[in-house]
Protein backbone atom coordinates (compact mmCIF):
# COMPACT_ATOMS: atom_id res chain seq x y z
CA MET A 1 81.96 90.26 74.13
CA LYS A 2 81.71 89.68 77.88
CA THR A 3 81.48 92.63 80.18
CA GLU A 4 83.40 92.47 83.35
CA LYS A 5 81.47 92.36 86.58
CA LYS A 6 82.60 93.65 89.97
CA GLN A 7 81.11 93.32 93.47
CA TYR A 8 80.47 96.38 95.59
CA VAL A 9 79.66 96.74 99.32
CA VAL A 10 76.82 99.34 99.48
CA PHE A 11 76.46 101.56 102.47
CA ARG A 12 74.56 104.63 103.66
CA LEU A 13 75.76 108.01 104.64
CA ALA A 14 72.93 110.56 105.39
CA ASP A 15 70.32 110.08 102.73
CA GLU A 16 72.61 108.69 100.05
CA GLU A 17 73.94 105.26 99.13
CA TYR A 18 77.57 104.74 98.37
CA GLY A 19 79.63 101.78 97.18
CA ALA A 20 83.19 100.53 97.47
CA ASP A 21 84.94 97.63 95.68
CA ILE A 22 84.44 94.62 97.97
CA ILE A 23 87.74 93.25 97.02
CA LYS A 24 89.20 96.03 99.26
CA VAL A 25 86.99 95.20 102.20
CA THR A 26 88.52 92.91 104.92
CA VAL A 27 85.79 92.96 107.43
CA ILE A 28 82.68 94.93 108.65
CA GLU A 29 82.49 95.60 112.30
CA ARG A 30 79.83 96.98 114.85
CA MET A 31 80.87 100.27 116.32
CA MET A 32 83.58 100.00 119.01
CA TYR A 33 85.73 101.97 121.23
CA ILE A 34 87.92 104.45 119.23
CA THR A 35 90.95 105.94 120.90
CA ARG A 36 91.53 109.54 119.83
CA VAL A 37 94.95 110.38 118.51
CA PRO A 38 96.12 114.02 118.99
CA LYS A 39 97.13 116.20 116.02
CA THR A 40 95.34 114.16 113.37
CA PRO A 41 92.98 115.57 110.73
CA GLU A 42 89.44 116.32 111.99
CA TYR A 43 87.95 113.43 109.97
CA ILE A 44 90.26 110.88 111.68
CA LYS A 45 88.34 109.66 114.75
CA GLY A 46 91.31 107.77 116.15
CA VAL A 47 92.34 104.18 116.25
CA ILE A 48 90.93 100.90 117.11
CA ASN A 49 92.54 97.62 118.31
CA LEU A 50 91.08 94.90 115.96
CA ARG A 51 92.35 91.47 116.93
CA GLY A 52 95.81 92.91 117.90
CA ASP A 53 96.11 95.27 114.92
CA ILE A 54 96.06 99.04 115.51
CA ILE A 55 93.87 100.51 112.62
CA PRO A 56 93.20 104.21 112.01
CA VAL A 57 89.41 105.04 111.63
CA MET A 58 88.02 107.95 109.66
CA ASP A 59 84.54 109.46 109.88
CA LEU A 60 83.44 109.11 106.23
CA ARG A 61 80.62 111.78 106.85
CA ALA A 62 83.38 114.25 107.84
CA ARG A 63 85.77 113.25 105.13
CA LEU A 64 82.99 113.92 102.54
CA GLY A 65 81.89 117.21 104.15
CA LEU A 66 78.52 115.81 105.44
CA THR A 67 76.89 116.74 108.72
CA GLU A 68 77.79 114.70 111.79
CA LYS A 69 75.39 112.04 113.12
CA GLU A 70 75.25 110.19 116.40
CA GLU A 71 76.07 106.58 116.17
CA ASP A 72 73.33 104.02 116.60
CA ASP A 73 72.76 100.33 116.33
CA GLU A 74 73.10 100.48 112.53
CA THR A 75 76.53 102.25 112.57
CA ARG A 76 79.35 100.09 111.18
CA ILE A 77 83.10 100.35 110.69
CA ILE A 78 84.17 98.98 107.31
CA ILE A 79 87.73 97.89 107.39
CA PHE A 80 89.60 98.41 104.07
CA ASP A 81 92.93 97.22 102.93
CA ILE A 82 94.51 99.37 100.18
CA ASN A 83 97.91 98.26 98.98
CA ASN A 84 98.63 96.74 102.36
CA VAL A 85 97.37 99.84 104.34
CA SER A 86 94.43 99.07 106.55
CA PHE A 87 91.98 101.73 107.62
CA GLY A 88 88.39 101.78 108.98
CA ALA A 89 85.57 103.98 107.67
CA ILE A 90 82.54 104.82 109.85
CA VAL A 91 79.30 104.54 107.95
CA ASP A 92 75.64 104.91 108.97
CA SER A 93 74.78 101.41 107.86
CA VAL A 94 75.72 98.69 105.48
CA SER A 95 72.87 97.60 103.19
CA GLU A 96 74.01 95.04 100.64
CA VAL A 97 76.59 93.62 98.27
CA LEU A 98 75.82 94.19 94.59
CA GLN A 99 77.35 92.65 91.41
CA LEU A 100 77.53 95.23 88.61
CA GLU A 101 78.78 95.27 85.13
CA GLU A 102 81.35 97.93 84.50
CA THR A 103 79.04 99.33 81.79
CA LYS A 104 76.70 100.43 84.61
CA VAL A 105 79.27 102.85 86.09
CA GLU A 106 79.30 106.44 84.83
CA SER A 107 82.04 108.94 85.28
CA THR A 108 81.28 112.02 87.33
CA ALA A 109 84.05 114.08 85.62
CA GLY A 110 82.71 117.58 84.92
CA ILE A 111 79.67 117.09 87.27
CA ILE A 112 81.14 117.47 90.70
CA LYS A 113 83.23 120.62 91.26
CA ASP A 114 84.12 120.77 94.97
CA LYS A 115 86.97 119.16 96.82
CA THR A 116 85.19 115.92 97.28
CA LYS A 117 85.31 115.15 93.53
CA ASP A 118 88.62 113.37 93.88
CA PHE A 119 87.00 110.92 96.35
CA ILE A 120 84.44 109.78 93.82
CA TYR A 121 85.14 107.12 91.20
CA GLY A 122 81.72 107.22 89.54
CA VAL A 123 78.05 106.70 89.84
CA ALA A 124 76.50 103.32 89.42
CA LYS A 125 73.04 102.31 88.24
CA ALA A 126 71.41 99.16 89.73
CA GLU A 127 67.69 98.45 89.18
CA SER A 128 66.06 101.78 89.92
CA LYS A 129 68.70 103.04 92.30
CA LEU A 130 71.87 105.23 91.90
CA PHE A 131 74.79 105.07 94.16
CA THR A 132 78.14 106.87 94.37
CA LEU A 133 81.30 104.72 94.01
CA LEU A 134 84.17 105.92 96.21
CA ASN A 135 87.81 106.16 95.23
CA LEU A 136 89.38 104.61 98.36
CA GLU A 137 92.89 105.31 97.48
CA LYS A 138 92.19 109.14 97.23
CA LEU A 139 90.35 108.99 100.55
CA ILE A 140 93.44 108.07 102.36
CA SER A 141 96.04 109.68 99.99
CA ASP A 142 96.98 112.58 102.32
CA LEU A 143 97.54 110.03 105.20
CA VAL A 144 99.78 107.79 103.04
CA PRO A 145 101.88 110.10 100.81
CA GLU A 146 102.96 107.34 98.44
CA MET A 147 99.42 106.89 97.35
CA SER A 148 98.74 110.47 96.13
């Protein structure tokens, strides 16, 4: 029996590594000017103009309840496309693309009890490292009501 493999883009937030399905990534950009939009949730930093498209950008640290960090040369904006909805996520750095068998992904049900549990799809094991896989649809569900 053949196990299905998926590719994940792996990125860093604070001292942890996270992953997201690479199929949902359209581009990874260096940090750029973000225009603040009034009356948006605190974790929404604003919007960027990316080659003529206006894309909302969230601070993934704020969304996951992590402490704020000043941007540096490693800071990136990962642009995701979820069901034809594009959004950017600010991450500390992007480290690699990994191909994983689905059997290497463990559920976090019952482990995580706070509000961020919905944002986590599972934990993956690759070589000697563990990283948290994000549920991108849930990350933006309160911004796009039809996704909740």
